[in-house]
N, C-alpha and C. Protein backbone atom coordinates (compact mmCIF):
# COMPACT_ATOMS: atom_id res chain seq x y z
N ALA A 1 0.85 -1.19 0.00
CA ALA A 1 0.00 0.00 0.00
C ALA A 1 0.88 1.24 0.00
N ASN A 2 0.39 2.26 -0.65
CA ASN A 2 1.10 3.54 -0.64
C ASN A 2 0.89 4.22 0.70
N ASN A 3 1.88 4.91 1.17
CA ASN A 3 1.76 5.69 2.40
C ASN A 3 1.75 7.17 2.04
N TYR A 4 0.78 7.87 2.58
CA TYR A 4 0.67 9.31 2.37
C TYR A 4 0.60 9.95 3.74
N GLU A 5 1.18 11.12 3.90
CA GLU A 5 1.09 11.80 5.17
C GLU A 5 -0.01 12.85 5.10
N TRP A 6 -0.81 12.92 6.14
CA TRP A 6 -1.84 13.96 6.22
C TRP A 6 -1.21 15.18 6.81
N ILE A 7 -1.45 16.31 6.22
CA ILE A 7 -0.93 17.57 6.73
C ILE A 7 -2.11 18.50 7.00
N SER A 8 -2.17 19.06 8.17
CA SER A 8 -3.19 20.03 8.53
C SER A 8 -2.45 21.29 8.94
N GLY A 9 -2.49 22.30 8.10
CA GLY A 9 -1.67 23.48 8.37
C GLY A 9 -0.22 23.06 8.32
N ASN A 10 0.50 23.30 9.39
CA ASN A 10 1.91 22.89 9.45
C ASN A 10 2.10 21.65 10.30
N GLU A 11 0.99 21.03 10.72
CA GLU A 11 1.07 19.91 11.65
C GLU A 11 0.84 18.58 10.93
N LYS A 12 1.75 17.66 11.10
CA LYS A 12 1.57 16.31 10.56
C LYS A 12 0.62 15.56 11.49
N ILE A 13 -0.46 15.01 10.95
CA ILE A 13 -1.46 14.35 11.77
C ILE A 13 -1.18 12.86 11.90
N ASN A 14 -1.05 12.18 10.80
CA ASN A 14 -0.92 10.73 10.83
C ASN A 14 -0.50 10.27 9.44
N LYS A 15 -0.50 8.99 9.23
CA LYS A 15 -0.22 8.45 7.91
C LYS A 15 -1.46 7.81 7.34
N LEU A 16 -1.65 7.98 6.07
CA LEU A 16 -2.78 7.39 5.37
C LEU A 16 -2.28 6.15 4.65
N TYR A 17 -2.90 5.02 4.91
CA TYR A 17 -2.45 3.76 4.32
C TYR A 17 -3.37 3.23 3.23
N ARG A 18 -4.62 3.57 3.25
CA ARG A 18 -5.56 3.07 2.26
C ARG A 18 -6.39 4.21 1.71
N VAL A 19 -6.75 4.11 0.46
CA VAL A 19 -7.57 5.13 -0.18
C VAL A 19 -8.75 4.45 -0.85
N ILE A 20 -9.94 4.98 -0.62
CA ILE A 20 -11.14 4.52 -1.30
C ILE A 20 -11.63 5.68 -2.15
N TYR A 21 -11.89 5.41 -3.39
CA TYR A 21 -12.36 6.45 -4.30
C TYR A 21 -13.75 6.07 -4.78
N LEU A 22 -14.75 6.87 -4.42
CA LEU A 22 -16.13 6.61 -4.83
C LEU A 22 -16.56 7.66 -5.83
N GLU A 23 -16.94 7.23 -6.97
CA GLU A 23 -17.42 8.14 -8.01
C GLU A 23 -18.50 7.41 -8.78
N GLU A 24 -19.50 8.15 -9.18
CA GLU A 24 -20.59 7.61 -9.99
C GLU A 24 -21.26 6.39 -9.36
N ILE A 25 -21.48 6.45 -8.06
CA ILE A 25 -22.22 5.42 -7.35
C ILE A 25 -23.50 6.06 -6.86
N ILE A 26 -24.62 5.41 -7.11
CA ILE A 26 -25.90 5.95 -6.66
C ILE A 26 -25.88 6.04 -5.15
N ASN A 27 -26.33 7.18 -4.63
CA ASN A 27 -26.35 7.41 -3.17
C ASN A 27 -24.97 7.25 -2.54
N ARG A 28 -23.94 7.71 -3.20
CA ARG A 28 -22.58 7.48 -2.70
C ARG A 28 -22.35 8.09 -1.32
N GLU A 29 -23.00 9.23 -1.02
CA GLU A 29 -22.82 9.84 0.29
C GLU A 29 -23.37 8.93 1.39
N LYS A 30 -24.52 8.32 1.14
CA LYS A 30 -25.10 7.41 2.13
C LYS A 30 -24.27 6.14 2.24
N THR A 31 -23.80 5.62 1.11
CA THR A 31 -22.94 4.43 1.11
C THR A 31 -21.65 4.72 1.86
N LEU A 32 -21.05 5.87 1.60
CA LEU A 32 -19.82 6.25 2.28
C LEU A 32 -20.06 6.40 3.78
N PHE A 33 -21.17 7.02 4.14
CA PHE A 33 -21.48 7.19 5.56
C PHE A 33 -21.61 5.83 6.25
N GLN A 34 -22.41 4.95 5.68
CA GLN A 34 -22.63 3.64 6.29
C GLN A 34 -21.34 2.84 6.39
N PHE A 35 -20.57 2.84 5.31
CA PHE A 35 -19.30 2.11 5.32
C PHE A 35 -18.35 2.69 6.38
N THR A 36 -18.22 4.01 6.37
CA THR A 36 -17.29 4.66 7.30
C THR A 36 -17.69 4.40 8.75
N TYR A 37 -18.96 4.54 9.03
CA TYR A 37 -19.43 4.32 10.39
C TYR A 37 -19.11 2.90 10.85
N GLU A 38 -19.45 1.92 10.04
CA GLU A 38 -19.19 0.52 10.41
C GLU A 38 -17.70 0.22 10.50
N TYR A 39 -16.94 0.77 9.57
CA TYR A 39 -15.49 0.56 9.59
C TYR A 39 -14.87 1.14 10.85
N LEU A 40 -15.27 2.38 11.19
CA LEU A 40 -14.68 3.03 12.36
C LEU A 40 -15.12 2.38 13.67
N LYS A 41 -16.28 1.76 13.68
CA LYS A 41 -16.68 1.01 14.88
C LYS A 41 -15.71 -0.16 15.10
N LEU A 42 -15.27 -0.77 14.03
CA LEU A 42 -14.32 -1.88 14.12
C LEU A 42 -12.88 -1.41 14.30
N ASN A 43 -12.60 -0.20 13.84
CA ASN A 43 -11.24 0.35 13.87
C ASN A 43 -11.29 1.77 14.44
N PRO A 44 -11.59 1.91 15.72
CA PRO A 44 -11.84 3.24 16.30
C PRO A 44 -10.64 4.19 16.32
N ASN A 45 -9.46 3.70 16.09
CA ASN A 45 -8.29 4.59 16.05
C ASN A 45 -8.01 5.13 14.66
N ASP A 46 -8.74 4.62 13.67
CA ASP A 46 -8.59 5.12 12.31
C ASP A 46 -9.51 6.32 12.10
N CYS A 47 -9.42 6.94 10.95
CA CYS A 47 -10.32 8.05 10.63
C CYS A 47 -10.48 8.12 9.12
N LEU A 48 -11.43 8.93 8.71
CA LEU A 48 -11.70 9.13 7.28
C LEU A 48 -11.27 10.53 6.91
N TRP A 49 -10.40 10.62 5.92
CA TRP A 49 -9.98 11.93 5.41
C TRP A 49 -10.77 12.20 4.15
N VAL A 50 -11.42 13.36 4.12
CA VAL A 50 -12.21 13.79 2.97
C VAL A 50 -11.63 15.12 2.50
N GLU A 51 -11.85 15.42 1.26
CA GLU A 51 -11.35 16.66 0.66
C GLU A 51 -11.22 17.81 1.66
N ASP A 52 -10.38 18.75 1.32
CA ASP A 52 -10.24 19.99 2.08
C ASP A 52 -9.72 19.79 3.50
N ASP A 53 -8.94 18.76 3.73
CA ASP A 53 -8.34 18.51 5.04
C ASP A 53 -9.35 18.19 6.12
N TRP A 54 -10.50 17.65 5.77
CA TRP A 54 -11.48 17.27 6.78
C TRP A 54 -11.24 15.84 7.19
N VAL A 55 -11.17 15.61 8.48
CA VAL A 55 -10.91 14.29 9.01
C VAL A 55 -12.06 13.93 9.94
N TYR A 56 -12.73 12.83 9.64
CA TYR A 56 -13.84 12.34 10.45
C TYR A 56 -13.37 11.18 11.32
N THR A 57 -13.68 11.28 12.60
CA THR A 57 -13.36 10.22 13.55
C THR A 57 -14.64 9.45 13.87
N LEU A 58 -14.50 8.38 14.63
CA LEU A 58 -15.68 7.65 15.07
C LEU A 58 -16.60 8.57 15.87
N ASN A 59 -16.04 9.40 16.70
CA ASN A 59 -16.84 10.35 17.48
C ASN A 59 -17.66 11.26 16.56
N ASP A 60 -17.05 11.75 15.50
CA ASP A 60 -17.77 12.59 14.53
C ASP A 60 -18.91 11.81 13.89
N MET A 61 -18.63 10.59 13.51
CA MET A 61 -19.64 9.77 12.84
C MET A 61 -20.79 9.44 13.79
N GLU A 62 -20.48 9.22 15.05
CA GLU A 62 -21.54 8.95 16.02
C GLU A 62 -22.42 10.17 16.23
N LYS A 63 -21.84 11.36 16.22
CA LYS A 63 -22.64 12.59 16.32
C LYS A 63 -23.58 12.70 15.12
N LEU A 64 -23.06 12.42 13.94
CA LEU A 64 -23.89 12.49 12.74
C LEU A 64 -24.98 11.43 12.74
N LYS A 65 -24.67 10.28 13.27
CA LYS A 65 -25.64 9.17 13.30
C LYS A 65 -26.85 9.51 14.17
N GLN A 66 -26.66 10.38 15.14
CA GLN A 66 -27.75 10.79 16.03
C GLN A 66 -28.76 11.72 15.36
N ARG A 67 -28.40 12.25 14.22
CA ARG A 67 -29.23 13.22 13.51
C ARG A 67 -29.89 12.58 12.30
N PRO A 68 -30.91 13.23 11.76
CA PRO A 68 -31.45 12.75 10.47
C PRO A 68 -30.33 12.79 9.42
N PHE A 69 -30.35 11.84 8.51
CA PHE A 69 -29.27 11.76 7.52
C PHE A 69 -29.21 13.03 6.67
N ASP A 70 -28.03 13.58 6.55
CA ASP A 70 -27.76 14.75 5.72
C ASP A 70 -26.89 14.29 4.55
N PRO A 71 -27.43 14.28 3.32
CA PRO A 71 -26.65 13.79 2.18
C PRO A 71 -25.40 14.63 1.88
N ASP A 72 -25.31 15.81 2.49
CA ASP A 72 -24.13 16.66 2.28
C ASP A 72 -23.13 16.55 3.42
N TRP A 73 -23.28 15.56 4.27
CA TRP A 73 -22.43 15.45 5.46
C TRP A 73 -20.95 15.47 5.13
N CYS A 74 -20.55 14.79 4.08
CA CYS A 74 -19.12 14.67 3.78
C CYS A 74 -18.55 15.92 3.08
N TYR A 75 -19.41 16.88 2.82
CA TYR A 75 -18.96 18.14 2.20
C TYR A 75 -18.87 19.25 3.24
N LYS A 76 -19.07 18.88 4.50
CA LYS A 76 -19.05 19.85 5.59
C LYS A 76 -17.91 19.55 6.55
N ASP A 77 -17.36 20.58 7.11
CA ASP A 77 -16.25 20.45 8.04
C ASP A 77 -16.74 19.80 9.34
N PRO A 78 -16.20 18.65 9.74
CA PRO A 78 -16.67 17.98 10.95
C PRO A 78 -16.41 18.78 12.23
N ARG A 79 -15.52 19.74 12.18
CA ARG A 79 -15.26 20.57 13.37
C ARG A 79 -16.46 21.46 13.68
N ASN A 80 -17.39 21.57 12.72
CA ASN A 80 -18.58 22.40 12.93
C ASN A 80 -19.80 21.60 13.34
N LEU A 81 -19.62 20.35 13.74
CA LEU A 81 -20.75 19.51 14.14
C LEU A 81 -21.35 20.02 15.43
């Protein structure tokens, strides 16, 4: 697997070991949400990196799970939850 480093500002956060690319999948936001939530429940120390330096943790996903599903969830900064 390729290793990529996540950079947030000037701070190195962690290393990225796997990449999933979803394009042209019906309801991809819901599929991504469900997959990410289940994956992070099994791997709580991992996280999901989405465009624009947004990193979702299990805690973030659990907060989102408590709300009605928002199809734009992955286009929003999780720090604003």
